Amino acid sequence: LAMWTENVNGSYKYVMLNAASDVKGQSDFNKFEKARELKKHIARIRKDYEKEMKDQQMADRQRATAMYLIDKLALRAGNEKDAENEAETVGCCSLKYEHISLEPPNKVTFDFLGKDSIRYHETSEVDPQVFKNLKLFKKAPKGPGDDIFDRLTVSTTTCLLGHMLTYFLDRPTEQALEQLHAWLDGQGLPYI
């Protein structure tokens, strides 16, 4: 609601709504209602990105593979950071060569600092086409420090979701899938 510069060390201070306030509660309610609506259309969205995972255009193939990781593994889309002022955290779209290890036939190990600098270290079995794509995206001359999704940004992923969700969600974002998974968890339901 308000922001000011603190006079002792010059840092910013904020006044925010309490999580239990009516306004904040309504906002959260609306997010999960969008997730509930998304559940009705997720099968078509998945069909679309699964088809694009074999696309000849590398940008489309990368975007579809990232959508799979966001959807099936519930990875955050990620965001570009101000490296000077913020920790070097990673999301799906900003994965680097060294953040994933591949183990045939289809196991992928992720190891990176995620949101709030919490280490994400998980091994997951993925669709064979996803494994094949990740192997391709790590192919030489790429090496440590290089982006896995070098033709992809968070905004292009958001744009893809926007095209797919425009007619049934008011404000589509990459968070729509995160919200769907959170809603399913809250209902005690498995990911679909």
N, C-alpha and C. Protein backbone atom coordinates (compact mmCIF):
# COMPACT_ATOMS: atom_id res chain seq x y z
N LEU A 1 0.82 -1.20 0.00
CA LEU A 1 0.00 0.00 0.00
C LEU A 1 0.86 1.25 0.00
N ALA A 2 2.03 1.19 0.69
CA ALA A 2 2.90 2.35 0.77
C ALA A 2 4.34 1.89 0.84
N MET A 3 5.26 2.81 0.44
CA MET A 3 6.68 2.52 0.46
C MET A 3 7.42 3.79 0.84
N TRP A 4 8.50 3.65 1.60
CA TRP A 4 9.34 4.80 1.93
C TRP A 4 10.78 4.33 2.09
N THR A 5 11.70 5.30 2.05
CA THR A 5 13.11 5.00 2.25
C THR A 5 13.44 5.19 3.71
N GLU A 6 13.95 4.16 4.31
CA GLU A 6 14.31 4.18 5.73
C GLU A 6 15.53 5.07 5.90
N ASN A 7 15.54 5.92 6.96
CA ASN A 7 16.56 6.96 7.07
C ASN A 7 17.88 6.49 7.67
N VAL A 8 17.97 5.31 8.26
CA VAL A 8 19.21 4.86 8.86
C VAL A 8 20.14 4.23 7.82
N ASN A 9 19.64 3.24 7.10
CA ASN A 9 20.51 2.57 6.11
C ASN A 9 20.04 2.75 4.67
N GLY A 10 19.01 3.53 4.43
CA GLY A 10 18.57 3.83 3.08
C GLY A 10 17.79 2.72 2.38
N SER A 11 17.40 1.67 3.10
CA SER A 11 16.65 0.59 2.47
C SER A 11 15.17 0.96 2.36
N TYR A 12 14.48 0.25 1.45
CA TYR A 12 13.06 0.49 1.28
C TYR A 12 12.25 -0.27 2.32
N LYS A 13 11.22 0.37 2.82
CA LYS A 13 10.28 -0.25 3.76
C LYS A 13 8.90 -0.21 3.11
N TYR A 14 8.10 -1.25 3.39
CA TYR A 14 6.80 -1.38 2.74
C TYR A 14 5.70 -1.60 3.78
N VAL A 15 4.50 -1.11 3.45
CA VAL A 15 3.29 -1.42 4.21
C VAL A 15 2.44 -2.26 3.28
N MET A 16 2.08 -3.48 3.74
CA MET A 16 1.30 -4.39 2.90
C MET A 16 0.04 -4.82 3.63
N LEU A 17 -0.88 -5.39 2.88
CA LEU A 17 -2.10 -5.91 3.47
C LEU A 17 -1.80 -7.18 4.27
N ASN A 18 -2.51 -7.36 5.35
CA ASN A 18 -2.42 -8.58 6.13
C ASN A 18 -2.99 -9.73 5.30
N ALA A 19 -2.36 -10.89 5.40
CA ALA A 19 -2.82 -12.05 4.63
C ALA A 19 -4.27 -12.42 4.94
N ALA A 20 -4.76 -12.06 6.12
CA ALA A 20 -6.14 -12.40 6.51
C ALA A 20 -7.14 -11.32 6.12
N SER A 21 -6.69 -10.22 5.50
CA SER A 21 -7.61 -9.14 5.15
C SER A 21 -8.57 -9.59 4.06
N ASP A 22 -9.73 -8.94 4.01
CA ASP A 22 -10.73 -9.28 3.00
C ASP A 22 -10.22 -9.05 1.59
N VAL A 23 -9.49 -7.96 1.38
CA VAL A 23 -8.99 -7.64 0.05
C VAL A 23 -7.98 -8.70 -0.40
N LYS A 24 -7.04 -9.05 0.45
CA LYS A 24 -6.03 -10.07 0.12
C LYS A 24 -6.72 -11.43 -0.07
N GLY A 25 -7.65 -11.75 0.79
CA GLY A 25 -8.37 -13.02 0.68
C GLY A 25 -9.13 -13.14 -0.63
N GLN A 26 -9.74 -12.04 -1.08
CA GLN A 26 -10.48 -12.05 -2.34
C GLN A 26 -9.52 -12.27 -3.51
N SER A 27 -8.35 -11.63 -3.44
CA SER A 27 -7.36 -11.81 -4.50
C SER A 27 -6.92 -13.27 -4.59
N ASP A 28 -6.63 -13.88 -3.45
CA ASP A 28 -6.24 -15.30 -3.43
C ASP A 28 -7.36 -16.19 -3.93
N PHE A 29 -8.58 -15.89 -3.53
CA PHE A 29 -9.74 -16.65 -3.99
C PHE A 29 -9.85 -16.61 -5.51
N ASN A 30 -9.67 -15.40 -6.08
CA ASN A 30 -9.75 -15.26 -7.54
C ASN A 30 -8.67 -16.06 -8.25
N LYS A 31 -7.46 -16.11 -7.69
CA LYS A 31 -6.38 -16.90 -8.29
C LYS A 31 -6.77 -18.37 -8.37
N PHE A 32 -7.32 -18.90 -7.30
CA PHE A 32 -7.65 -20.31 -7.29
C PHE A 32 -8.89 -20.62 -8.12
N GLU A 33 -9.76 -19.64 -8.29
CA GLU A 33 -10.88 -19.83 -9.20
C GLU A 33 -10.39 -19.95 -10.63
N LYS A 34 -9.35 -19.17 -10.98
CA LYS A 34 -8.75 -19.28 -12.32
C LYS A 34 -8.13 -20.67 -12.49
N ALA A 35 -7.48 -21.15 -11.44
CA ALA A 35 -6.88 -22.49 -11.51
C ALA A 35 -7.96 -23.55 -11.70
N ARG A 36 -9.07 -23.38 -11.02
CA ARG A 36 -10.18 -24.34 -11.18
C ARG A 36 -10.70 -24.32 -12.63
N GLU A 37 -10.75 -23.13 -13.22
CA GLU A 37 -11.18 -23.01 -14.61
C GLU A 37 -10.14 -23.64 -15.54
N LEU A 38 -8.87 -23.46 -15.24
CA LEU A 38 -7.80 -24.04 -16.05
C LEU A 38 -7.90 -25.56 -16.10
N LYS A 39 -8.33 -26.16 -15.01
CA LYS A 39 -8.44 -27.62 -14.95
C LYS A 39 -9.33 -28.16 -16.07
N LYS A 40 -10.32 -27.39 -16.48
CA LYS A 40 -11.23 -27.82 -17.54
C LYS A 40 -10.54 -27.89 -18.90
N HIS A 41 -9.43 -27.17 -19.06
CA HIS A 41 -8.79 -27.03 -20.37
C HIS A 41 -7.38 -27.60 -20.43
N ILE A 42 -6.90 -28.15 -19.34
CA ILE A 42 -5.50 -28.58 -19.27
C ILE A 42 -5.18 -29.68 -20.28
N ALA A 43 -6.11 -30.54 -20.58
CA ALA A 43 -5.84 -31.64 -21.53
C ALA A 43 -5.49 -31.09 -22.91
N ARG A 44 -6.22 -30.07 -23.36
CA ARG A 44 -5.93 -29.48 -24.67
C ARG A 44 -4.60 -28.74 -24.66
N ILE A 45 -4.32 -28.05 -23.57
CA ILE A 45 -3.05 -27.32 -23.45
C ILE A 45 -1.89 -28.31 -23.53
N ARG A 46 -2.00 -29.42 -22.82
CA ARG A 46 -0.95 -30.44 -22.85
C ARG A 46 -0.80 -31.04 -24.25
N LYS A 47 -1.89 -31.30 -24.90
CA LYS A 47 -1.83 -31.85 -26.26
C LYS A 47 -1.07 -30.90 -27.18
N ASP A 48 -1.31 -29.60 -27.04
CA ASP A 48 -0.64 -28.61 -27.87
C ASP A 48 0.87 -28.58 -27.61
N TYR A 49 1.28 -28.53 -26.33
CA TYR A 49 2.72 -28.44 -26.10
C TYR A 49 3.41 -29.78 -26.36
N GLU A 50 2.72 -30.90 -26.18
CA GLU A 50 3.34 -32.20 -26.51
C GLU A 50 3.61 -32.31 -28.01
N LYS A 51 2.72 -31.76 -28.83
CA LYS A 51 2.93 -31.75 -30.28
C LYS A 51 4.14 -30.88 -30.62
N GLU A 52 4.27 -29.73 -29.97
CA GLU A 52 5.37 -28.80 -30.26
C GLU A 52 6.73 -29.32 -29.78
N MET A 53 6.76 -30.33 -28.92
CA MET A 53 8.05 -30.84 -28.45
C MET A 53 8.87 -31.47 -29.57
N LYS A 54 8.23 -31.77 -30.69
CA LYS A 54 8.94 -32.36 -31.84
C LYS A 54 9.07 -31.36 -32.99
N ASP A 55 8.75 -30.10 -32.73
CA ASP A 55 8.76 -29.08 -33.77
C ASP A 55 10.17 -28.88 -34.34
N GLN A 56 10.24 -28.53 -35.61
CA GLN A 56 11.54 -28.27 -36.25
C GLN A 56 12.15 -26.96 -35.76
N GLN A 57 11.31 -25.99 -35.38
CA GLN A 57 11.80 -24.72 -34.86
C GLN A 57 12.29 -24.91 -33.42
N MET A 58 13.56 -24.63 -33.19
CA MET A 58 14.15 -24.86 -31.87
C MET A 58 13.48 -24.02 -30.79
N ALA A 59 13.10 -22.80 -31.10
CA ALA A 59 12.43 -21.95 -30.10
C ALA A 59 11.11 -22.57 -29.65
N ASP A 60 10.35 -23.11 -30.60
CA ASP A 60 9.08 -23.76 -30.26
C ASP A 60 9.31 -25.02 -29.44
N ARG A 61 10.32 -25.78 -29.81
CA ARG A 61 10.65 -27.01 -29.10
C ARG A 61 11.09 -26.69 -27.66
N GLN A 62 11.89 -25.64 -27.51
CA GLN A 62 12.34 -25.25 -26.17
C GLN A 62 11.16 -24.77 -25.32
N ARG A 63 10.29 -23.97 -25.91
CA ARG A 63 9.12 -23.46 -25.17
C ARG A 63 8.23 -24.62 -24.73
N ALA A 64 7.99 -25.58 -25.61
CA ALA A 64 7.13 -26.72 -25.27
C ALA A 64 7.77 -27.57 -24.17
N THR A 65 9.08 -27.76 -24.23
CA THR A 65 9.78 -28.54 -23.20
C THR A 65 9.72 -27.81 -21.86
N ALA A 66 9.89 -26.51 -21.88
CA ALA A 66 9.78 -25.72 -20.64
C ALA A 66 8.36 -25.81 -20.07
N MET A 67 7.35 -25.77 -20.95
CA MET A 67 5.97 -25.89 -20.48
C MET A 67 5.75 -27.24 -19.81
N TYR A 68 6.33 -28.30 -20.36
CA TYR A 68 6.24 -29.62 -19.75
C TYR A 68 6.83 -29.58 -18.34
N LEU A 69 8.02 -29.01 -18.19
CA LEU A 69 8.68 -28.97 -16.88
C LEU A 69 7.89 -28.14 -15.88
N ILE A 70 7.31 -27.03 -16.34
CA ILE A 70 6.49 -26.19 -15.46
C ILE A 70 5.23 -26.95 -15.05
N ASP A 71 4.62 -27.62 -16.00
CA ASP A 71 3.37 -28.34 -15.76
C ASP A 71 3.59 -29.62 -14.95
N LYS A 72 4.37 -30.53 -15.47
CA LYS A 72 4.48 -31.86 -14.87
C LYS A 72 5.36 -31.90 -13.62
N LEU A 73 6.40 -31.06 -13.55
CA LEU A 73 7.29 -31.08 -12.38
C LEU A 73 7.04 -29.91 -11.45
N ALA A 74 6.08 -29.06 -11.81
CA ALA A 74 5.72 -27.89 -11.01
C ALA A 74 6.90 -26.97 -10.76
N LEU A 75 7.80 -26.85 -11.76
CA LEU A 75 8.89 -25.88 -11.64
C LEU A 75 8.31 -24.48 -11.84
N ARG A 76 8.88 -23.52 -11.16
CA ARG A 76 8.49 -22.13 -11.39
C ARG A 76 9.06 -21.69 -12.73
N ALA A 77 8.37 -20.80 -13.39
CA ALA A 77 8.84 -20.33 -14.69
C ALA A 77 10.19 -19.62 -14.55
N GLY A 78 10.36 -18.87 -13.47
CA GLY A 78 11.61 -18.15 -13.27
C GLY A 78 11.47 -16.72 -13.76
N ASN A 79 12.51 -15.97 -13.53
CA ASN A 79 12.48 -14.57 -13.89
C ASN A 79 13.89 -14.06 -13.95
N GLU A 80 14.12 -13.03 -14.77
CA GLU A 80 15.44 -12.42 -14.80
C GLU A 80 15.61 -11.59 -13.54
N LYS A 81 16.82 -11.65 -12.99
CA LYS A 81 17.12 -10.96 -11.74
C LYS A 81 18.13 -9.86 -11.98
N ASP A 82 18.12 -8.90 -11.06
CA ASP A 82 19.17 -7.90 -11.01
C ASP A 82 20.32 -8.53 -10.25
N ALA A 83 21.31 -9.03 -10.97
CA ALA A 83 22.39 -9.82 -10.37
C ALA A 83 23.18 -9.06 -9.32
N GLU A 84 23.21 -7.72 -9.41
CA GLU A 84 23.94 -6.94 -8.41
C GLU A 84 23.25 -6.93 -7.06
N ASN A 85 21.92 -6.88 -7.06
CA ASN A 85 21.18 -6.68 -5.82
C ASN A 85 20.42 -7.89 -5.32
N GLU A 86 20.35 -8.96 -6.09
CA GLU A 86 19.56 -10.12 -5.69
C GLU A 86 20.37 -11.40 -5.83
N ALA A 87 19.98 -12.41 -5.07
CA ALA A 87 20.65 -13.71 -5.15
C ALA A 87 20.43 -14.32 -6.53
N GLU A 88 21.36 -15.14 -6.95
CA GLU A 88 21.30 -15.80 -8.26
C GLU A 88 20.36 -17.00 -8.17
N THR A 89 19.05 -16.74 -8.20
CA THR A 89 18.08 -17.83 -8.15
C THR A 89 17.65 -18.18 -9.56
N VAL A 90 17.10 -19.38 -9.70
CA VAL A 90 16.82 -19.95 -11.02
C VAL A 90 15.39 -20.46 -11.07
N GLY A 91 14.82 -20.40 -12.25
CA GLY A 91 13.55 -21.03 -12.54
C GLY A 91 13.72 -21.82 -13.83
N CYS A 92 12.66 -22.38 -14.31
CA CYS A 92 12.73 -23.23 -15.50
C CYS A 92 13.38 -22.53 -16.69
N CYS A 93 12.94 -21.31 -16.98
CA CYS A 93 13.42 -20.61 -18.17
C CYS A 93 14.85 -20.11 -18.04
N SER A 94 15.40 -20.10 -16.84
CA SER A 94 16.77 -19.62 -16.65
C SER A 94 17.72 -20.74 -16.21
N LEU A 95 17.33 -22.01 -16.45
CA LEU A 95 18.21 -23.13 -16.13
C LEU A 95 19.50 -23.05 -16.94
N LYS A 96 20.61 -23.34 -16.28
CA LYS A 96 21.92 -23.35 -16.94
C LYS A 96 22.36 -24.80 -17.16
N TYR A 97 23.36 -24.94 -18.01
CA TYR A 97 23.93 -26.24 -18.36
C TYR A 97 24.22 -27.07 -17.11
N GLU A 98 24.82 -26.46 -16.12
CA GLU A 98 25.24 -27.19 -14.91
C GLU A 98 24.09 -27.51 -13.96
N HIS A 99 22.90 -26.97 -14.19
CA HIS A 99 21.76 -27.21 -13.30
C HIS A 99 21.05 -28.53 -13.55
N ILE A 100 21.31 -29.16 -14.69
CA ILE A 100 20.66 -30.45 -14.95
C ILE A 100 21.68 -31.50 -15.36
N SER A 101 21.43 -32.71 -14.90
CA SER A 101 22.22 -33.87 -15.29
C SER A 101 21.26 -34.90 -15.88
N LEU A 102 21.70 -35.56 -16.93
CA LEU A 102 20.85 -36.53 -17.62
C LEU A 102 21.37 -37.94 -17.38
N GLU A 103 20.42 -38.84 -17.07
CA GLU A 103 20.77 -40.25 -16.85
C GLU A 103 19.82 -41.10 -17.69
N PRO A 104 20.33 -41.70 -18.78
CA PRO A 104 19.47 -42.52 -19.63
C PRO A 104 18.79 -43.62 -18.84
N PRO A 105 17.59 -44.04 -19.21
CA PRO A 105 16.92 -43.64 -20.43
C PRO A 105 16.13 -42.34 -20.32
N ASN A 106 15.64 -41.96 -19.11
CA ASN A 106 14.83 -40.74 -19.06
C ASN A 106 14.81 -40.07 -17.69
N LYS A 107 15.92 -40.14 -16.95
CA LYS A 107 15.99 -39.48 -15.64
C LYS A 107 16.76 -38.17 -15.76
N VAL A 108 16.21 -37.13 -15.12
CA VAL A 108 16.84 -35.82 -15.11
C VAL A 108 17.00 -35.39 -13.66
N THR A 109 18.22 -34.98 -13.30
CA THR A 109 18.47 -34.45 -11.96
C THR A 109 18.63 -32.94 -12.07
N PHE A 110 17.84 -32.23 -11.28
CA PHE A 110 17.89 -30.77 -11.22
C PHE A 110 18.59 -30.39 -9.93
N ASP A 111 19.48 -29.41 -10.00
CA ASP A 111 20.17 -28.92 -8.81
C ASP A 111 20.45 -27.43 -8.99
N PHE A 112 19.65 -26.60 -8.31
CA PHE A 112 19.80 -25.14 -8.43
C PHE A 112 19.15 -24.46 -7.23
N LEU A 113 19.42 -23.16 -7.08
CA LEU A 113 18.76 -22.36 -6.06
C LEU A 113 17.48 -21.80 -6.67
N GLY A 114 16.36 -22.12 -6.06
CA GLY A 114 15.07 -21.64 -6.53
C GLY A 114 14.62 -20.41 -5.78
N LYS A 115 13.34 -20.15 -5.83
CA LYS A 115 12.76 -18.98 -5.17
C LYS A 115 13.17 -18.93 -3.70
N ASP A 116 13.44 -17.73 -3.22
CA ASP A 116 13.86 -17.49 -1.84
C ASP A 116 15.16 -18.22 -1.51
N SER A 117 15.98 -18.50 -2.54
CA SER A 117 17.29 -19.15 -2.39
C SER A 117 17.20 -20.53 -1.73
N ILE A 118 16.11 -21.23 -1.98
CA ILE A 118 15.94 -22.59 -1.47
C ILE A 118 16.45 -23.56 -2.53
N ARG A 119 17.34 -24.46 -2.11
CA ARG A 119 17.94 -25.41 -3.05
C ARG A 119 16.87 -26.39 -3.55
N TYR A 120 16.83 -26.56 -4.84
CA TYR A 120 15.98 -27.55 -5.48
C TYR A 120 16.91 -28.64 -6.00
N HIS A 121 16.84 -29.81 -5.41
CA HIS A 121 17.68 -30.94 -5.84
C HIS A 121 16.78 -32.16 -5.92
N GLU A 122 16.34 -32.47 -7.13
CA GLU A 122 15.40 -33.56 -7.35
C GLU A 122 15.78 -34.32 -8.62
N THR A 123 15.51 -35.61 -8.59
CA THR A 123 15.65 -36.44 -9.79
C THR A 123 14.26 -36.89 -10.18
N SER A 124 13.93 -36.70 -11.46
CA SER A 124 12.59 -37.04 -11.95
C SER A 124 12.70 -37.82 -13.26
N GLU A 125 11.76 -38.74 -13.43
CA GLU A 125 11.63 -39.39 -14.73
C GLU A 125 10.76 -38.49 -15.59
N VAL A 126 11.19 -38.30 -16.83
CA VAL A 126 10.46 -37.44 -17.73
C VAL A 126 10.08 -38.21 -18.99
N ASP A 127 9.20 -37.62 -19.76
CA ASP A 127 8.79 -38.17 -21.04
C ASP A 127 10.04 -38.37 -21.91
N PRO A 128 10.13 -39.47 -22.65
CA PRO A 128 11.32 -39.70 -23.50
C PRO A 128 11.64 -38.54 -24.44
N GLN A 129 10.61 -37.88 -24.98
CA GLN A 129 10.86 -36.75 -25.88
C GLN A 129 11.47 -35.57 -25.11
N VAL A 130 11.05 -35.36 -23.87
CA VAL A 130 11.63 -34.29 -23.04
C VAL A 130 13.10 -34.59 -22.79
N PHE A 131 13.41 -35.85 -22.47
CA PHE A 131 14.80 -36.25 -22.24
C PHE A 131 15.63 -35.99 -23.50
N LYS A 132 15.10 -36.40 -24.64
CA LYS A 132 15.79 -36.21 -25.91
C LYS A 132 16.04 -34.72 -26.17
N ASN A 133 15.02 -33.89 -25.89
CA ASN A 133 15.16 -32.45 -26.09
C ASN A 133 16.22 -31.85 -25.17
N LEU A 134 16.18 -32.23 -23.89
CA LEU A 134 17.16 -31.68 -22.95
C LEU A 134 18.58 -32.08 -23.36
N LYS A 135 18.72 -33.30 -23.84
CA LYS A 135 20.03 -33.76 -24.32
C LYS A 135 20.47 -32.89 -25.50
N LEU A 136 19.56 -32.59 -26.40
CA LEU A 136 19.85 -31.73 -27.54
C LEU A 136 20.20 -30.31 -27.08
N PHE A 137 19.46 -29.80 -26.08
CA PHE A 137 19.70 -28.43 -25.60
C PHE A 137 21.04 -28.30 -24.87
N LYS A 138 21.60 -29.43 -24.40
CA LYS A 138 22.90 -29.42 -23.71
C LYS A 138 24.06 -29.76 -24.65
N LYS A 139 23.76 -30.02 -25.89
CA LYS A 139 24.76 -30.46 -26.86
C LYS A 139 25.86 -29.41 -27.05
N ALA A 140 27.10 -29.89 -27.28
CA ALA A 140 28.23 -29.00 -27.56
C ALA A 140 27.86 -28.10 -28.74
N PRO A 141 28.28 -26.90 -28.73
CA PRO A 141 29.35 -26.29 -27.94
C PRO A 141 28.91 -25.74 -26.59
N LYS A 142 27.69 -26.03 -26.13
CA LYS A 142 27.26 -25.53 -24.83
C LYS A 142 28.08 -26.16 -23.71
N GLY A 143 28.24 -25.39 -22.65
CA GLY A 143 28.98 -25.87 -21.48
C GLY A 143 28.53 -25.09 -20.26
N PRO A 144 29.22 -25.27 -19.13
CA PRO A 144 28.86 -24.57 -17.90
C PRO A 144 28.69 -23.06 -18.11
N GLY A 145 27.62 -22.54 -17.55
CA GLY A 145 27.32 -21.12 -17.67
C GLY A 145 26.34 -20.80 -18.79
N ASP A 146 26.16 -21.73 -19.72
CA ASP A 146 25.24 -21.49 -20.84
C ASP A 146 23.81 -21.85 -20.46
N ASP A 147 22.86 -21.09 -21.02
CA ASP A 147 21.44 -21.35 -20.78
C ASP A 147 21.00 -22.63 -21.50
N ILE A 148 20.22 -23.44 -20.81
CA ILE A 148 19.60 -24.61 -21.46
C ILE A 148 18.61 -24.12 -22.51
N PHE A 149 17.75 -23.18 -22.11
CA PHE A 149 16.73 -22.65 -23.00
C PHE A 149 17.22 -21.31 -23.54
N ASP A 150 18.19 -21.36 -24.46
CA ASP A 150 18.82 -20.14 -24.95
C ASP A 150 17.96 -19.35 -25.91
N ARG A 151 16.86 -19.91 -26.36
CA ARG A 151 15.95 -19.20 -27.27
C ARG A 151 14.62 -18.90 -26.61
N LEU A 152 14.64 -18.87 -25.29
CA LEU A 152 13.41 -18.76 -24.52
C LEU A 152 13.57 -17.75 -23.41
N THR A 153 12.50 -17.02 -23.13
CA THR A 153 12.47 -16.12 -21.97
C THR A 153 11.16 -16.38 -21.23
N VAL A 154 11.08 -15.86 -20.02
CA VAL A 154 9.84 -15.98 -19.26
C VAL A 154 8.70 -15.35 -20.03
N SER A 155 8.97 -14.23 -20.70
CA SER A 155 7.89 -13.54 -21.42
C SER A 155 7.38 -14.37 -22.60
N THR A 156 8.25 -15.15 -23.28
CA THR A 156 7.75 -15.99 -24.37
C THR A 156 6.91 -17.13 -23.84
N THR A 157 7.27 -17.65 -22.66
CA THR A 157 6.45 -18.70 -22.04
C THR A 157 5.10 -18.13 -21.64
N THR A 158 5.12 -16.92 -21.07
CA THR A 158 3.88 -16.25 -20.70
C THR A 158 3.03 -16.00 -21.94
N CYS A 159 3.69 -15.61 -23.03
CA CYS A 159 2.98 -15.35 -24.29
C CYS A 159 2.30 -16.63 -24.79
N LEU A 160 3.00 -17.75 -24.73
CA LEU A 160 2.41 -19.02 -25.15
C LEU A 160 1.18 -19.33 -24.30
N LEU A 161 1.32 -19.21 -22.99
CA LEU A 161 0.15 -19.45 -22.14
C LEU A 161 -0.96 -18.47 -22.47
N GLY A 162 -0.58 -17.24 -22.75
CA GLY A 162 -1.58 -16.24 -23.10
C GLY A 162 -2.40 -16.65 -24.30
N HIS A 163 -1.74 -17.14 -25.35
CA HIS A 163 -2.47 -17.59 -26.54
C HIS A 163 -3.38 -18.76 -26.21
N MET A 164 -2.90 -19.67 -25.37
CA MET A 164 -3.70 -20.86 -25.07
C MET A 164 -4.85 -20.57 -24.12
N LEU A 165 -4.68 -19.60 -23.22
CA LEU A 165 -5.66 -19.40 -22.16
C LEU A 165 -6.53 -18.16 -22.32
N THR A 166 -6.25 -17.32 -23.30
CA THR A 166 -6.90 -16.02 -23.42
C THR A 166 -8.42 -16.10 -23.33
N TYR A 167 -9.02 -17.04 -24.03
CA TYR A 167 -10.48 -17.02 -24.09
C TYR A 167 -11.16 -17.57 -22.85
N PHE A 168 -10.42 -18.14 -21.90
CA PHE A 168 -11.12 -18.59 -20.70
C PHE A 168 -10.50 -18.14 -19.39
N LEU A 169 -9.41 -17.39 -19.42
CA LEU A 169 -8.87 -16.78 -18.20
C LEU A 169 -8.72 -15.28 -18.44
N ASP A 170 -9.05 -14.48 -17.44
CA ASP A 170 -8.98 -13.03 -17.60
C ASP A 170 -7.55 -12.55 -17.83
N ARG A 171 -6.61 -12.97 -16.98
CA ARG A 171 -5.23 -12.52 -17.08
C ARG A 171 -4.31 -13.72 -17.03
N PRO A 172 -4.04 -14.35 -18.16
CA PRO A 172 -3.19 -15.54 -18.14
C PRO A 172 -1.74 -15.20 -17.78
N THR A 173 -1.12 -16.03 -16.96
CA THR A 173 0.29 -15.87 -16.62
C THR A 173 0.88 -17.26 -16.50
N GLU A 174 2.21 -17.30 -16.40
CA GLU A 174 2.86 -18.59 -16.19
C GLU A 174 2.50 -19.16 -14.83
N GLN A 175 1.96 -18.33 -13.93
CA GLN A 175 1.57 -18.80 -12.61
C GLN A 175 0.28 -19.61 -12.63
N ALA A 176 -0.43 -19.61 -13.74
CA ALA A 176 -1.69 -20.34 -13.81
C ALA A 176 -1.49 -21.82 -13.51
N LEU A 177 -0.43 -22.42 -14.05
CA LEU A 177 -0.17 -23.84 -13.78
C LEU A 177 0.24 -24.05 -12.33
N GLU A 178 1.04 -23.14 -11.77
CA GLU A 178 1.40 -23.23 -10.35
C GLU A 178 0.14 -23.20 -9.48
N GLN A 179 -0.77 -22.30 -9.83
CA GLN A 179 -2.00 -22.18 -9.06
C GLN A 179 -2.87 -23.42 -9.20
N LEU A 180 -2.88 -24.02 -10.38
CA LEU A 180 -3.63 -25.26 -10.57
C LEU A 180 -3.08 -26.34 -9.65
N HIS A 181 -1.75 -26.49 -9.63
CA HIS A 181 -1.15 -27.51 -8.76
C HIS A 181 -1.42 -27.22 -7.29
N ALA A 182 -1.37 -25.95 -6.89
CA ALA A 182 -1.66 -25.59 -5.49
C ALA A 182 -3.11 -25.91 -5.15
N TRP A 183 -4.02 -25.61 -6.08
CA TRP A 183 -5.43 -25.91 -5.83
C TRP A 183 -5.64 -27.41 -5.70
N LEU A 184 -5.02 -28.20 -6.60
CA LEU A 184 -5.16 -29.64 -6.51
C LEU A 184 -4.62 -30.16 -5.20
N ASP A 185 -3.46 -29.66 -4.77
CA ASP A 185 -2.89 -30.06 -3.47
C ASP A 185 -3.87 -29.74 -2.34
N GLY A 186 -4.45 -28.53 -2.40
CA GLY A 186 -5.40 -28.12 -1.36
C GLY A 186 -6.64 -29.00 -1.32
N GLN A 187 -7.00 -29.58 -2.45
CA GLN A 187 -8.16 -30.46 -2.51
C GLN A 187 -7.78 -31.92 -2.21
N GLY A 188 -6.47 -32.16 -2.00
CA GLY A 188 -6.01 -33.53 -1.76
C GLY A 188 -6.05 -34.39 -3.01
N LEU A 189 -5.99 -33.74 -4.18
CA LEU A 189 -6.06 -34.46 -5.45
C LEU A 189 -4.67 -34.60 -6.07
N PRO A 190 -4.43 -35.66 -6.82
CA PRO A 190 -3.13 -35.78 -7.51
C PRO A 190 -3.07 -34.83 -8.69
N TYR A 191 -1.85 -34.52 -9.14
CA TYR A 191 -1.70 -33.73 -10.35
C TYR A 191 -2.35 -34.48 -11.49
N ILE A 192 -2.95 -33.75 -12.40
CA ILE A 192 -3.66 -34.39 -13.50
C ILE A 192 -2.80 -34.47 -14.74
